[in-house]
Protein backbone atom coordinates (compact mmCIF):
# COMPACT_ATOMS: atom_id res chain seq x y z
CA MET A 1 -40.93 -4.48 -105.41
CA TYR A 2 -43.29 -7.54 -105.51
CA SER A 3 -45.43 -8.33 -108.85
CA LYS A 4 -49.05 -8.26 -108.43
CA PHE A 5 -49.03 -12.05 -108.87
CA PHE A 6 -46.40 -12.68 -105.93
CA LEU A 7 -48.07 -10.41 -103.41
CA PRO A 8 -51.37 -12.02 -103.34
CA SER A 9 -49.89 -15.67 -103.15
CA LEU A 10 -47.51 -14.84 -100.23
CA MET A 11 -50.33 -13.11 -98.22
CA LEU A 12 -52.33 -16.87 -98.52
CA ILE A 13 -49.40 -18.59 -97.75
CA ALA A 14 -48.73 -16.37 -94.41
CA GLN A 15 -52.48 -16.82 -93.79
CA ALA A 16 -52.31 -20.91 -93.98
CA LEU A 17 -48.97 -21.23 -92.24
CA ALA A 18 -50.60 -19.12 -88.95
CA HIS A 19 -53.46 -21.69 -88.78
CA GLN A 20 -53.61 -23.28 -85.64
CA ASN A 21 -55.22 -26.20 -83.17
CA LEU A 22 -55.10 -26.65 -79.29
CA HIS A 23 -53.11 -30.02 -79.18
CA GLN A 24 -52.25 -30.37 -75.46
CA PHE A 25 -53.00 -29.24 -72.07
CA TRP A 26 -51.89 -29.87 -68.23
CA VAL A 27 -53.41 -30.23 -64.90
CA ASN A 28 -51.26 -29.13 -62.33
CA GLY A 29 -48.32 -29.63 -64.09
CA VAL A 30 -49.45 -33.15 -65.30
CA THR A 31 -50.43 -33.76 -69.16
CA PRO A 32 -52.73 -36.66 -70.15
CA GLY A 33 -50.56 -36.70 -73.24
CA TYR A 34 -50.43 -35.09 -76.61
CA GLN A 35 -53.99 -34.45 -78.15
CA VAL A 36 -55.58 -36.70 -75.44
CA GLY A 37 -58.92 -35.29 -73.87
CA ILE A 38 -59.26 -32.70 -76.52
CA ARG A 39 -61.95 -32.87 -79.12
CA MET A 40 -59.66 -32.53 -82.13
CA PRO A 41 -60.90 -30.88 -85.42
CA PRO A 42 -59.83 -32.61 -89.00
CA SER A 43 -57.95 -29.63 -89.85
CA ASN A 44 -56.35 -26.72 -88.37
CA SER A 45 -58.82 -24.38 -90.47
CA PRO A 46 -60.90 -21.37 -88.58
CA VAL A 47 -64.68 -21.34 -88.19
CA THR A 48 -65.80 -18.20 -89.50
CA ASP A 49 -69.88 -18.58 -89.49
CA VAL A 50 -70.84 -17.78 -85.82
CA THR A 51 -74.46 -18.95 -86.18
CA SER A 52 -72.94 -22.60 -86.92
CA ASN A 53 -72.68 -25.28 -84.48
CA ASP A 54 -68.96 -25.25 -85.21
CA ILE A 55 -68.24 -22.32 -83.18
CA THR A 56 -69.00 -24.26 -79.80
CA CYS A 57 -66.06 -26.82 -80.28
CA ASN A 58 -65.05 -26.58 -83.83
CA VAL A 59 -65.74 -28.90 -86.82
CA ASN A 60 -66.66 -32.20 -85.91
CA GLY A 61 -66.56 -31.33 -82.13
CA SER A 62 -70.25 -32.00 -81.20
CA ASN A 63 -69.45 -35.40 -79.76
CA GLY A 64 -66.84 -36.73 -77.64
CA ALA A 65 -67.52 -40.34 -77.24
CA ASN A 66 -63.83 -41.20 -78.03
CA VAL A 67 -62.28 -38.71 -76.11
CA ALA A 68 -60.88 -39.23 -72.72
CA VAL A 69 -62.31 -37.35 -69.69
CA ILE A 70 -59.59 -35.99 -67.50
CA ASN A 71 -59.79 -35.50 -63.84
CA ALA A 72 -59.27 -32.19 -62.16
CA SER A 73 -60.49 -30.14 -59.08
CA ALA A 74 -61.99 -26.73 -58.60
CA GLY A 75 -59.27 -24.41 -58.27
CA ASP A 76 -56.65 -26.27 -60.40
CA THR A 77 -54.19 -24.54 -62.63
CA ILE A 78 -54.75 -25.41 -66.34
CA GLU A 79 -52.01 -24.97 -69.06
CA VAL A 80 -52.99 -24.97 -72.67
CA GLN A 81 -50.52 -25.50 -75.53
CA TRP A 82 -51.22 -24.05 -79.16
CA ASP A 83 -49.03 -25.17 -82.14
CA THR A 84 -48.76 -21.85 -83.58
CA SER A 85 -50.35 -18.31 -82.81
CA GLY A 86 -49.36 -15.92 -85.61
CA HIS A 87 -52.58 -13.63 -85.85
CA PRO A 88 -53.37 -10.93 -83.63
CA GLY A 89 -56.34 -11.26 -81.22
CA PRO A 90 -57.45 -12.33 -77.67
CA ILE A 91 -57.65 -15.77 -75.99
CA VAL A 92 -61.10 -16.79 -73.89
CA HIS A 93 -61.52 -19.79 -72.07
CA SER A 94 -65.10 -20.84 -70.81
CA LEU A 95 -66.66 -23.92 -69.04
CA GLN A 96 -70.00 -25.76 -69.70
CA GLY A 97 -71.29 -27.80 -66.92
CA PRO A 98 -71.90 -29.60 -65.05
CA LEU A 99 -73.00 -32.22 -67.38
CA SER A 100 -74.29 -35.79 -67.13
CA SER A 101 -71.68 -36.79 -69.67
CA ALA A 102 -68.86 -34.97 -71.19
CA LYS A 103 -68.62 -37.41 -73.90
CA SER A 104 -72.11 -36.89 -75.31
CA ALA A 105 -72.39 -33.29 -74.84
CA SER A 106 -72.94 -31.38 -77.93
CA GLY A 107 -71.75 -27.90 -76.60
CA VAL A 108 -74.78 -26.32 -77.79
CA GLY A 109 -76.21 -24.41 -74.94
CA ASP A 110 -74.77 -22.23 -72.04
CA TRP A 111 -71.50 -21.47 -71.08
CA PHE A 112 -69.62 -19.22 -68.51
CA LYS A 113 -66.19 -17.52 -69.01
CA ILE A 114 -63.30 -17.89 -66.70
CA GLN A 115 -60.70 -16.40 -68.49
CA GLU A 116 -60.10 -13.57 -71.12
CA LEU A 117 -57.11 -11.89 -72.29
CA ASN A 118 -56.79 -9.20 -74.64
CA TYR A 119 -54.40 -6.33 -75.52
CA VAL A 120 -52.31 -5.82 -72.34
CA ASN A 121 -48.74 -3.74 -72.38
CA GLY A 122 -48.36 -3.31 -76.05
CA LYS A 123 -48.98 -6.92 -77.04
CA TRP A 124 -52.17 -9.20 -78.06
CA ALA A 125 -52.73 -12.58 -76.21
CA ASN A 126 -50.98 -14.62 -79.25
CA GLU A 127 -47.82 -12.59 -79.17
CA VAL A 128 -47.70 -13.60 -75.30
CA LEU A 129 -48.24 -17.10 -76.26
CA LEU A 130 -45.52 -16.82 -78.65
CA ALA A 131 -42.89 -15.62 -76.02
CA ASN A 132 -43.82 -18.68 -74.32
CA ALA A 133 -43.75 -21.71 -76.34
CA GLY A 134 -47.41 -21.40 -77.28
CA LYS A 135 -48.38 -21.96 -73.83
CA PHE A 136 -50.69 -20.22 -71.51
CA SER A 137 -52.00 -20.83 -67.96
CA PHE A 138 -55.04 -20.02 -65.87
CA LYS A 139 -57.19 -21.36 -62.97
CA LEU A 140 -60.47 -23.14 -62.66
CA PRO A 141 -62.92 -21.33 -60.23
CA SER A 142 -62.70 -22.67 -56.78
CA ASN A 143 -66.27 -22.87 -56.56
CA LEU A 144 -67.51 -25.38 -58.82
CA ALA A 145 -70.02 -28.01 -58.50
CA SER A 146 -68.70 -31.63 -58.99
CA GLY A 147 -69.49 -33.28 -62.32
CA GLU A 148 -68.19 -33.28 -65.86
CA TYR A 149 -67.36 -30.28 -67.97
CA LEU A 150 -66.40 -29.04 -71.41
CA LEU A 151 -63.44 -26.51 -71.04
CA ARG A 152 -63.48 -24.29 -74.23
CA SER A 153 -60.33 -22.77 -75.48
CA GLU A 154 -60.90 -20.02 -78.11
CA MET A 155 -58.37 -17.95 -79.63
CA LEU A 156 -59.65 -15.27 -82.12
CA ALA A 157 -57.57 -13.86 -85.24
CA LEU A 158 -58.59 -10.17 -85.93
CA HIS A 159 -56.18 -9.63 -89.00
CA ALA A 160 -59.08 -10.20 -91.45
CA SER A 161 -61.78 -8.70 -89.57
CA GLN A 162 -62.06 -5.76 -91.31
CA THR A 163 -64.37 -7.66 -93.66
CA LEU A 164 -67.47 -9.32 -92.55
CA GLU A 165 -67.29 -12.65 -91.37
CA GLY A 166 -63.40 -12.50 -91.85
CA ALA A 167 -62.80 -12.90 -88.17
CA GLN A 168 -61.30 -16.50 -87.55
CA PHE A 169 -62.01 -18.51 -84.66
CA TYR A 170 -59.81 -21.12 -83.61
CA ILE A 171 -61.36 -23.58 -81.00
CA GLY A 172 -60.67 -26.37 -78.93
CA CYS A 173 -62.67 -28.42 -76.43
CA MET A 174 -61.41 -30.21 -73.22
CA GLN A 175 -63.31 -32.75 -71.60
CA LEU A 176 -63.04 -32.65 -67.94
CA LYS A 177 -64.47 -34.24 -64.82
CA ILE A 178 -63.99 -31.69 -61.86
CA THR A 179 -64.50 -32.36 -57.99
CA GLY A 180 -65.63 -29.25 -56.29
CA PRO A 181 -67.28 -28.01 -53.12
CA GLY A 182 -70.47 -26.92 -55.42
CA GLY A 183 -71.27 -23.48 -56.80
CA ASN A 184 -72.95 -21.33 -59.48
CA CYS A 185 -71.22 -19.05 -62.04
CA SER A 186 -72.64 -16.19 -63.88
CA PRO A 187 -73.49 -14.29 -66.35
CA THR A 188 -73.89 -17.13 -68.69
CA TYR A 189 -74.01 -16.95 -72.50
CA LYS A 190 -75.18 -19.21 -75.22
CA LEU A 191 -73.19 -20.88 -78.03
CA PRO A 192 -74.33 -20.25 -80.96
CA GLY A 193 -76.09 -17.21 -80.29
CA ALA A 194 -74.25 -14.82 -78.55
CA TYR A 195 -71.86 -14.07 -81.30
CA LYS A 196 -73.39 -11.98 -84.32
CA ALA A 197 -70.92 -11.54 -87.31
CA SER A 198 -71.81 -7.78 -87.02
CA ASP A 199 -70.61 -7.43 -83.74
CA LYS A 200 -68.20 -4.62 -83.10
CA ASN A 201 -65.56 -7.00 -81.65
CA ILE A 202 -65.57 -9.47 -84.45
CA TYR A 203 -66.31 -7.29 -87.65
CA VAL A 204 -63.53 -4.30 -86.83
CA SER A 205 -63.99 -2.36 -89.71
CA ASP A 206 -61.27 0.08 -88.74
CA PHE A 207 -58.68 -2.79 -87.79
CA TYR A 208 -56.06 -1.09 -90.05
CA TYR A 209 -56.90 2.51 -90.02
CA GLY A 210 -57.64 4.33 -86.60
CA PHE A 211 -58.48 1.15 -84.43
CA VAL A 212 -57.09 1.33 -80.76
CA PRO A 213 -56.24 -2.03 -79.54
CA GLU A 214 -56.22 -1.05 -75.99
CA THR A 215 -60.16 -0.52 -76.12
CA TYR A 216 -60.79 -3.97 -77.27
CA THR A 217 -62.74 -6.68 -75.44
CA ALA A 218 -63.44 -9.99 -76.39
CA PRO A 219 -67.03 -11.42 -77.83
CA GLY A 220 -69.31 -12.80 -75.06
CA PRO A 221 -70.29 -11.31 -71.49
CA ALA A 222 -67.74 -10.38 -68.83
CA VAL A 223 -65.66 -13.00 -67.05
CA ALA A 224 -68.21 -14.90 -64.78
CA THR A 225 -68.46 -14.70 -60.61
CA CYS A 226 -68.67 -18.14 -58.98
CA VAL A 227 -70.71 -18.27 -55.86
CA GLY A 228 -70.21 -21.50 -53.69
CA GLY A 229 -71.67 -22.75 -50.30
CA GLY A 230 -71.41 -20.82 -47.19
CA GLY A 231 -71.47 -17.38 -49.09
CA GLN A 232 -68.08 -17.55 -50.27
CA GLN A 233 -67.38 -15.87 -53.60
CA THR A 234 -64.93 -16.13 -56.20
CA THR A 235 -64.39 -13.57 -58.82
CA LEU A 236 -62.62 -14.67 -61.94
CA ALA A 237 -60.78 -11.64 -62.94
CA THR A 238 -60.20 -10.21 -66.68
CA THR A 239 -56.74 -8.97 -67.82
CA THR A 240 -57.25 -5.62 -68.86
CA ARG A 241 -56.99 -4.47 -72.53
CA ALA A 242 -55.24 -1.02 -72.03
CA ALA A 243 -51.22 -0.94 -72.17
CA THR A 244 -51.27 2.30 -69.59
CA THR A 245 -54.46 1.45 -67.65
CA ALA A 246 -54.66 -2.07 -65.70
CA ALA A 247 -57.76 -3.11 -63.70
CA THR A 248 -57.21 -3.61 -59.96
CA THR A 249 -59.65 -5.85 -58.25
CA THR A 250 -59.86 -5.56 -54.36
CA ARG A 251 -61.22 -8.31 -52.26
CA ALA A 252 -62.29 -7.98 -48.78
CA SER A 253 -61.87 -10.79 -46.89
CA SER A 254 -65.07 -12.24 -45.09
CA THR A 255 -65.21 -10.62 -41.60
CA THR A 256 -66.89 -12.57 -38.69
CA VAL A 257 -67.79 -10.32 -35.70
CA ARG A 258 -68.84 -12.55 -32.48
CA THR A 259 -70.79 -10.78 -29.60
CA THR A 260 -70.89 -12.73 -26.44
CA THR A 261 -73.35 -11.52 -23.65
CA PRO A 262 -72.23 -13.19 -20.36
CA ALA A 263 -74.96 -15.26 -18.36
CA ALA A 264 -76.74 -13.16 -15.59
CA THR A 265 -76.17 -13.91 -12.15
CA THR A 266 -79.50 -15.42 -11.03
CA PRO A 267 -80.08 -18.68 -8.97
CA ALA A 268 -81.00 -20.03 -12.05
CA THR A 269 -78.12 -20.19 -14.87
CA THR A 270 -78.93 -18.46 -18.07
CA PRO A 271 -76.70 -19.81 -20.99
CA ALA A 272 -74.52 -17.56 -22.76
CA THR A 273 -75.89 -15.69 -26.02
CA THR A 274 -73.85 -15.79 -29.09
CA ALA A 275 -74.55 -13.42 -31.92
CA ARG A 276 -72.74 -13.69 -35.17
CA THR A 277 -72.76 -11.26 -37.84
CA THR A 278 -71.27 -12.26 -41.26
CA THR A 279 -70.06 -9.54 -43.68
CA PRO A 280 -70.19 -11.34 -46.95
CA SER A 281 -67.21 -11.47 -49.21
CA THR A 282 -67.15 -8.32 -51.47
CA THR A 283 -65.29 -7.68 -54.51
CA THR A 284 -64.85 -4.14 -55.92
CA ARG A 285 -63.04 -3.22 -59.44
CA ALA A 286 -61.30 0.15 -59.88
CA THR A 287 -59.74 1.33 -62.89
CA THR A 288 -56.59 3.16 -61.93
CA THR A 289 -53.57 4.79 -64.42
CA GLY A 290 -50.62 2.38 -64.28
CA SER A 291 -49.91 -1.39 -63.43
CA SER A 292 -51.41 -2.66 -60.30
CA SER A 293 -49.15 -3.33 -57.29
CA GLY A 294 -51.75 -5.50 -55.30
CA GLY A 295 -51.45 -9.00 -54.40
CA ALA A 296 -51.30 -12.35 -56.60
CA PRO A 297 -53.45 -12.34 -59.41
CA LEU A 298 -56.96 -13.94 -59.20
CA TYR A 299 -58.55 -16.91 -60.97
CA GLY A 300 -58.10 -16.35 -64.64
CA GLN A 301 -55.92 -13.83 -64.37
CA VAL A 302 -52.42 -13.99 -66.07
CA ASN A 303 -50.91 -10.79 -65.98
CA THR A 304 -47.25 -11.89 -66.60
CA LEU A 305 -45.90 -15.13 -68.16
CA PRO A 306 -42.30 -16.43 -67.97
CA ILE A 307 -40.54 -15.53 -71.32
CA GLN A 308 -38.74 -18.32 -72.89
CA SER A 309 -35.72 -17.26 -74.89
CA ASN A 310 -34.47 -18.62 -77.73
CA THR A 311 -37.91 -20.27 -78.47
CA VAL A 312 -39.03 -20.96 -81.98
CA ILE A 313 -42.74 -21.76 -82.62
CA GLU A 314 -42.63 -24.87 -84.95
CA LYS A 315 -45.36 -24.79 -87.55
CA GLN A 316 -47.41 -27.70 -88.52
CA LYS A 317 -46.16 -29.74 -91.39
CA THR A 318 -49.41 -30.01 -93.24
CA ASN A 319 -51.01 -28.64 -96.33
CA ILE A 320 -53.89 -27.08 -95.38
CA PRO A 321 -56.22 -25.66 -98.28
CA VAL A 322 -56.72 -22.09 -98.00
CA ASN A 323 -60.33 -21.35 -96.30
CA SER A 324 -62.39 -19.58 -98.59
CA ALA A 325 -63.95 -17.12 -95.99
CA GLU A 326 -60.55 -15.71 -96.11
CA ALA A 327 -60.69 -13.91 -99.63
CA LYS A 328 -64.00 -12.50 -100.06
CA ASP A 329 -64.98 -11.70 -103.84
CA GLY A 330 -64.55 -8.08 -104.38
CA GLN A 331 -62.99 -7.08 -101.17
CA VAL A 332 -59.63 -5.66 -100.48
CA GLN A 333 -57.83 -8.03 -98.09
CA PRO A 334 -55.38 -6.77 -95.58
CA PRO A 335 -51.67 -7.22 -95.97
CA ALA A 336 -50.32 -10.31 -94.65
CA TYR A 337 -48.60 -10.43 -91.21
CA GLN A 338 -44.77 -11.58 -90.96
CA GLU A 339 -44.49 -15.03 -89.18
CA LEU A 340 -43.26 -14.15 -85.60
CA ALA A 341 -41.85 -17.48 -85.46
CA ASN A 342 -39.16 -16.29 -87.52
CA THR A 343 -38.26 -13.31 -85.68
CA PRO A 344 -35.13 -13.07 -83.71
CA THR A 345 -35.74 -15.33 -80.74
CA ASN A 346 -34.67 -12.88 -77.97
CA GLY A 347 -37.90 -13.64 -75.83
CA THR A 348 -39.73 -10.32 -76.95
CA PRO A 349 -41.75 -11.04 -80.25
CA SER A 350 -41.52 -7.95 -82.69
CA ALA A 351 -44.70 -5.95 -83.58
CA TYR A 352 -46.89 -7.10 -86.52
CA LYS A 353 -45.70 -5.60 -89.85
CA PRO A 354 -47.41 -6.11 -93.00
CA ILE A 355 -45.23 -8.00 -95.60
CA PRO A 356 -44.00 -5.10 -98.32
């Protein structure tokens, strides 16, 4: 049995080791380099104050003057890599823009969500990343206006969310210059502003006692719908939360009906009259029991990622001071999670288990 002195120390060590940063990304399989194009924070500690400007692009993330702006196109595949992801919780990606300059943008203001992964098929988003060397892929919307953007990657760790301000936000902002056909995306949400410390998906008081992860949704609004020129519409799908219930998105293709009236037979030739009726693209979302057997996933939807067996996530070899927000005075802290990086590397991470 652990002594009363050893167990708290073990919990704090486990929490520190699982701190994380976004450190690399790829556009259609091509990376600009390690930590290139990313506003890197001074440490891998979390943000816990959701009212702070740090909730946008992390600590010291309000200026990207010395950060490269990376070219991309609407509809491109983005792959991000986090150095570790040992805490249970969702992953969310959002865009801000188009901006006059990504380098000078503070990140404060309106964002729109383009991807969200919560708890699916018995696994949190972080477990999906652990099974894929810390990597996660999604698509940019196909209907985006050309310009510079901030792309925000957020991993929310819920292991201490049963205490107020215990939830840990890990954030990385990338700087992109996107070429696109034009479009508008909604709904938008403001950071800071949209998140409240008391929100039920940030302060999860019953996380260890009675919490049903299948019902969880990440903070912020729904994934945005982007409408471009010509009435085309892109719906960015949200991967469902439930292990047994998956959202099925049905897309009705634009249908064009042409009706041609032949010219009347008279001494004078009357030009043919053409009427065009266009039924705009519509998107419906229905919830069905069981997994979807539809077509390919829509933008922002990653239902299944390839599992890389015999993969061990390398922890950062840095000494990170324990964040004071993780241990509140007078509050009972939860059992720490065992590091999944130390589990057998058979491609299927084990469930979270409190350290005895």
